[in-house]
Protein backbone atom coordinates (compact mmCIF):
# COMPACT_ATOMS: atom_id res chain seq x y z
CA MET A 1 71.21 126.17 58.28
CA LYS A 2 69.43 128.92 56.23
CA ILE A 3 69.35 128.29 52.46
CA LYS A 4 71.31 130.83 50.86
CA LEU A 5 72.13 129.83 47.25
CA VAL A 6 70.23 128.20 44.72
CA ILE A 7 71.68 126.36 42.26
CA PHE A 8 70.87 126.05 38.09
CA ASP A 9 71.14 123.33 35.87
CA CYS A 10 70.36 124.82 32.46
CA ASP A 11 69.45 122.34 29.83
CA GLY A 12 65.99 120.79 31.14
CA VAL A 13 65.48 123.46 33.78
CA MET A 14 65.78 126.86 32.61
CA PHE A 15 65.74 126.01 29.13
CA ASP A 16 63.58 122.93 27.14
CA SER A 17 66.15 122.40 25.06
CA ARG A 18 65.87 119.32 23.79
CA GLU A 19 65.06 119.96 20.18
CA ALA A 20 67.90 122.61 19.93
CA ASN A 21 69.87 119.49 21.07
CA ARG A 22 68.15 117.21 18.52
CA HIS A 23 68.56 119.64 15.50
CA PHE A 24 72.93 120.43 16.58
CA TYR A 25 73.84 117.07 16.78
CA ASN A 26 72.00 115.57 13.65
CA HIS A 27 73.64 118.77 12.03
CA LEU A 28 76.64 117.72 12.87
CA LEU A 29 75.92 114.01 11.57
CA ALA A 30 74.56 115.13 8.60
CA GLY A 31 77.59 117.42 7.33
CA LEU A 32 79.12 114.25 7.98
CA ALA A 33 76.91 111.86 5.56
CA ARG A 34 75.50 109.78 8.63
CA PRO A 35 72.12 109.73 10.16
CA PRO A 36 70.24 111.27 12.60
CA MET A 37 70.48 110.01 16.48
CA ASP A 38 67.95 107.47 17.79
CA GLU A 39 66.15 108.91 21.09
CA ALA A 40 68.59 107.44 23.30
CA GLU A 41 71.04 109.52 21.75
CA LEU A 42 69.34 112.22 22.30
CA ASP A 43 68.70 110.90 25.98
CA TYR A 44 72.47 111.05 26.32
CA VAL A 45 73.58 114.42 24.65
CA HIS A 46 70.93 116.15 26.38
CA MET A 47 72.61 115.44 29.65
CA ASN A 48 76.51 115.22 28.96
CA HIS A 49 78.61 117.75 27.92
CA VAL A 50 79.56 118.27 24.06
CA GLN A 51 82.81 116.65 23.94
CA ASP A 52 81.63 113.25 25.76
CA SER A 53 77.94 113.73 23.66
CA VAL A 54 80.50 114.22 20.03
CA ARG A 55 82.28 110.88 20.74
CA HIS A 56 79.20 109.28 21.56
CA ILE A 57 76.63 109.71 18.64
CA PHE A 58 80.09 108.94 16.74
CA ARG A 59 80.75 105.74 18.09
CA HIS A 60 80.51 103.38 15.19
CA TYR A 61 82.22 105.68 13.17
CA PRO A 62 85.85 106.61 14.78
CA GLY A 63 87.44 107.82 11.75
CA ASP A 64 84.75 110.65 11.69
CA LEU A 65 85.69 111.92 15.06
CA ALA A 66 88.17 114.80 14.24
CA ALA A 67 86.27 115.90 11.08
CA ALA A 68 83.27 115.92 13.87
CA GLU A 69 84.92 118.13 16.15
CA ALA A 70 86.31 120.67 13.00
CA LEU A 71 82.43 120.85 12.43
CA ARG A 72 81.21 121.77 15.79
CA GLN A 73 83.89 124.53 16.02
CA GLN A 74 82.97 126.12 12.81
CA VAL A 75 78.98 125.96 13.39
CA ASP A 76 77.20 128.57 14.68
CA TYR A 77 75.20 128.13 17.85
CA ARG A 78 73.12 130.71 17.02
CA ASP A 79 71.35 129.07 14.38
CA PHE A 80 69.28 127.03 16.67
CA ILE A 81 68.52 129.04 19.68
CA PRO A 82 65.27 129.09 17.68
CA TYR A 83 64.58 125.63 18.59
CA MET A 84 65.21 126.71 22.75
CA LEU A 85 62.44 127.19 25.16
CA MET A 86 62.84 129.34 28.20
CA GLU A 87 61.01 127.91 30.87
CA PRO A 88 57.73 130.78 31.13
CA ASP A 89 58.19 131.51 34.84
CA LEU A 90 61.49 132.04 35.58
CA VAL A 91 61.90 135.37 35.34
CA GLU A 92 59.17 135.79 37.59
CA PHE A 93 61.46 133.34 39.90
CA LEU A 94 64.59 134.98 39.31
CA GLU A 95 63.48 138.31 40.48
CA LEU A 96 61.49 136.18 43.25
CA LEU A 97 64.71 135.50 44.59
CA ALA A 98 66.85 138.50 44.00
CA PRO A 99 66.46 140.41 47.00
CA THR A 100 66.92 137.50 49.43
CA TYR A 101 69.15 134.73 47.59
CA LYS A 102 72.70 133.77 45.74
CA THR A 103 72.06 132.40 42.28
CA ALA A 104 74.27 130.06 40.20
CA ILE A 105 74.41 127.47 37.39
CA SER A 106 76.34 124.41 37.23
CA THR A 107 76.11 123.25 33.77
CA ASN A 108 77.32 120.32 31.27
CA ARG A 109 76.28 122.90 28.55
CA THR A 110 80.04 124.89 27.55
CA THR A 111 80.78 127.58 25.60
CA THR A 112 77.44 128.04 24.77
CA MET A 113 76.22 128.83 27.75
CA ALA A 114 77.08 132.82 28.27
CA MET A 115 75.68 133.59 24.48
CA ILE A 116 72.62 132.19 25.54
CA LEU A 117 72.33 133.64 29.07
CA ASP A 118 73.14 137.23 26.72
CA ILE A 119 70.30 136.66 24.14
CA PHE A 120 67.68 136.00 26.78
CA GLY A 121 68.61 138.69 29.48
CA LEU A 122 69.25 136.62 31.40
CA THR A 123 73.19 137.27 32.11
CA ARG A 124 72.66 139.65 35.19
CA TYR A 125 71.44 137.09 37.50
CA PHE A 126 73.43 134.76 37.81
CA GLY A 127 76.82 135.63 39.96
CA LYS A 128 78.64 132.59 38.78
CA VAL A 129 78.45 130.22 36.11
CA VAL A 130 80.41 126.73 36.37
CA THR A 131 80.55 124.59 32.47
CA PRO A 132 83.03 121.43 32.09
CA LEU A 133 85.39 124.10 31.05
CA ASP A 134 85.86 125.66 34.65
CA VAL A 135 86.46 122.38 36.20
CA THR A 136 88.49 119.13 36.18
CA ARG A 137 85.86 116.35 36.44
CA PRO A 138 82.41 118.26 34.73
CA LYS A 139 79.50 116.38 36.40
CA PRO A 140 78.03 113.88 37.60
CA HIS A 141 81.05 114.78 39.53
CA PRO A 142 80.43 117.30 42.15
CA GLU A 143 83.19 119.11 41.48
CA SER A 144 80.99 122.11 39.81
CA LEU A 145 79.14 122.32 42.69
CA LEU A 146 81.47 122.31 45.43
CA LYS A 147 83.17 125.55 43.30
CA ILE A 148 79.96 127.39 42.92
CA LEU A 149 79.81 126.31 47.06
CA ASP A 150 83.98 128.44 47.45
CA HIS A 151 83.15 130.99 45.37
CA TYR A 152 80.40 132.27 47.43
CA GLY A 153 81.98 130.61 50.89
CA LEU A 154 78.78 128.66 52.12
CA ALA A 155 78.81 125.48 53.61
CA VAL A 156 76.55 122.90 51.07
CA ASP A 157 73.30 122.64 53.89
CA GLN A 158 73.17 126.78 52.60
CA ALA A 159 72.68 125.67 48.83
CA VAL A 160 69.62 124.22 46.59
CA TYR A 161 70.50 122.54 43.17
CA ILE A 162 67.71 122.36 40.78
CA GLY A 163 68.21 119.47 37.84
CA ASP A 164 66.41 117.68 35.70
CA SER A 165 68.26 114.49 35.36
CA ARG A 166 70.91 111.54 37.34
CA VAL A 167 73.90 113.67 36.11
CA ASP A 168 72.11 116.54 38.31
CA GLN A 169 70.95 114.29 41.30
CA GLU A 170 74.00 112.43 41.51
CA PRO A 171 76.89 115.36 42.09
CA ALA A 172 74.17 116.37 44.49
CA ALA A 173 73.66 113.45 46.33
CA ALA A 174 77.35 112.84 46.79
CA ILE A 175 78.25 115.93 48.92
CA GLY A 176 74.88 116.09 50.47
CA MET A 177 73.15 119.07 48.97
CA ALA A 178 69.44 119.28 48.95
CA PHE A 179 68.03 118.71 45.24
CA ILE A 180 64.92 119.54 43.49
CA ALA A 181 63.85 117.06 40.61
CA PHE A 182 62.05 119.42 37.66
CA LYS A 183 60.19 117.91 35.76
CA ASN A 184 61.26 114.28 36.35
CA PRO A 185 59.42 112.45 38.98
CA THR A 186 62.00 109.21 38.58
CA LEU A 187 64.93 111.39 40.40
CA THR A 188 65.63 110.71 44.04
CA ALA A 189 65.40 114.63 45.62
CA ALA A 190 64.10 116.46 48.21
CA HIS A 191 61.26 117.93 46.32
CA HIS A 192 59.63 117.23 42.61
CA VAL A 193 58.30 120.33 41.15
CA ASN A 194 57.01 120.79 37.53
CA SER A 195 57.16 124.75 37.22
CA PHE A 196 59.58 127.34 38.85
CA MET A 197 56.90 129.16 40.86
CA GLU A 198 56.05 125.88 42.84
CA ILE A 199 59.77 125.99 44.31
CA ALA A 200 58.92 129.52 45.49
CA ARG A 201 55.92 128.04 47.53
CA LEU A 202 58.38 125.50 49.44
CA PRO A 203 58.46 126.04 52.96
CA ALA A 204 62.56 125.55 52.63
CA LEU A 205 62.54 128.87 50.60
CA MET A 206 59.80 130.37 51.90
CA ALA A 207 61.06 130.39 55.61
CA ASP A 208 64.03 132.55 54.07
CA ARG A 209 62.61 135.34 52.98
CA PRO A 210 62.00 138.69 54.66
CA GLY A 211 58.11 138.59 55.85
CA SER A 212 57.88 135.00 56.01
CA ARG A 213 55.71 133.78 58.12
């Protein structure tokens, strides 16, 4: 069947947000006089949703967990937006998709997702955004992908998912959805790319665009 829907992960795909995550979670640790994350902890918070991430980085300090969660809810994430770098060809790619494809986001980012889309002027490009606040089982469970398919009334082989981690690879594999690995050659994927415009040149997508040969 023809591809009709392109689904994006956010962190590590639409944005290089590693430094934003580093500063955000280290801010929580510093607020409770705890040392900063190591690189393995940064890898974890970069892939997982915020509640699990807070529990993970405070796993050695269980007495601090309630205070850490309270502090998290008080932090204004706008302070960390300057550390987020949007992929330079994201908008070009979205404009290219717009006439032909539906687009959606499946992310483990929670309350900050809508704000980020608004600040970067991306809201209008996505017809459906699913975060852990919208499902009972966040990624790596495939519920978010299934929810997007249901929203558009499409079959799994009419969609492709772009992700950068095993937390993206696993839900796509679980339901048999085509997966494109973004800047991560270690993942199992139909295609590996380092930019969005590489995706635009893939035969599977090009064949479905009007005027393609």
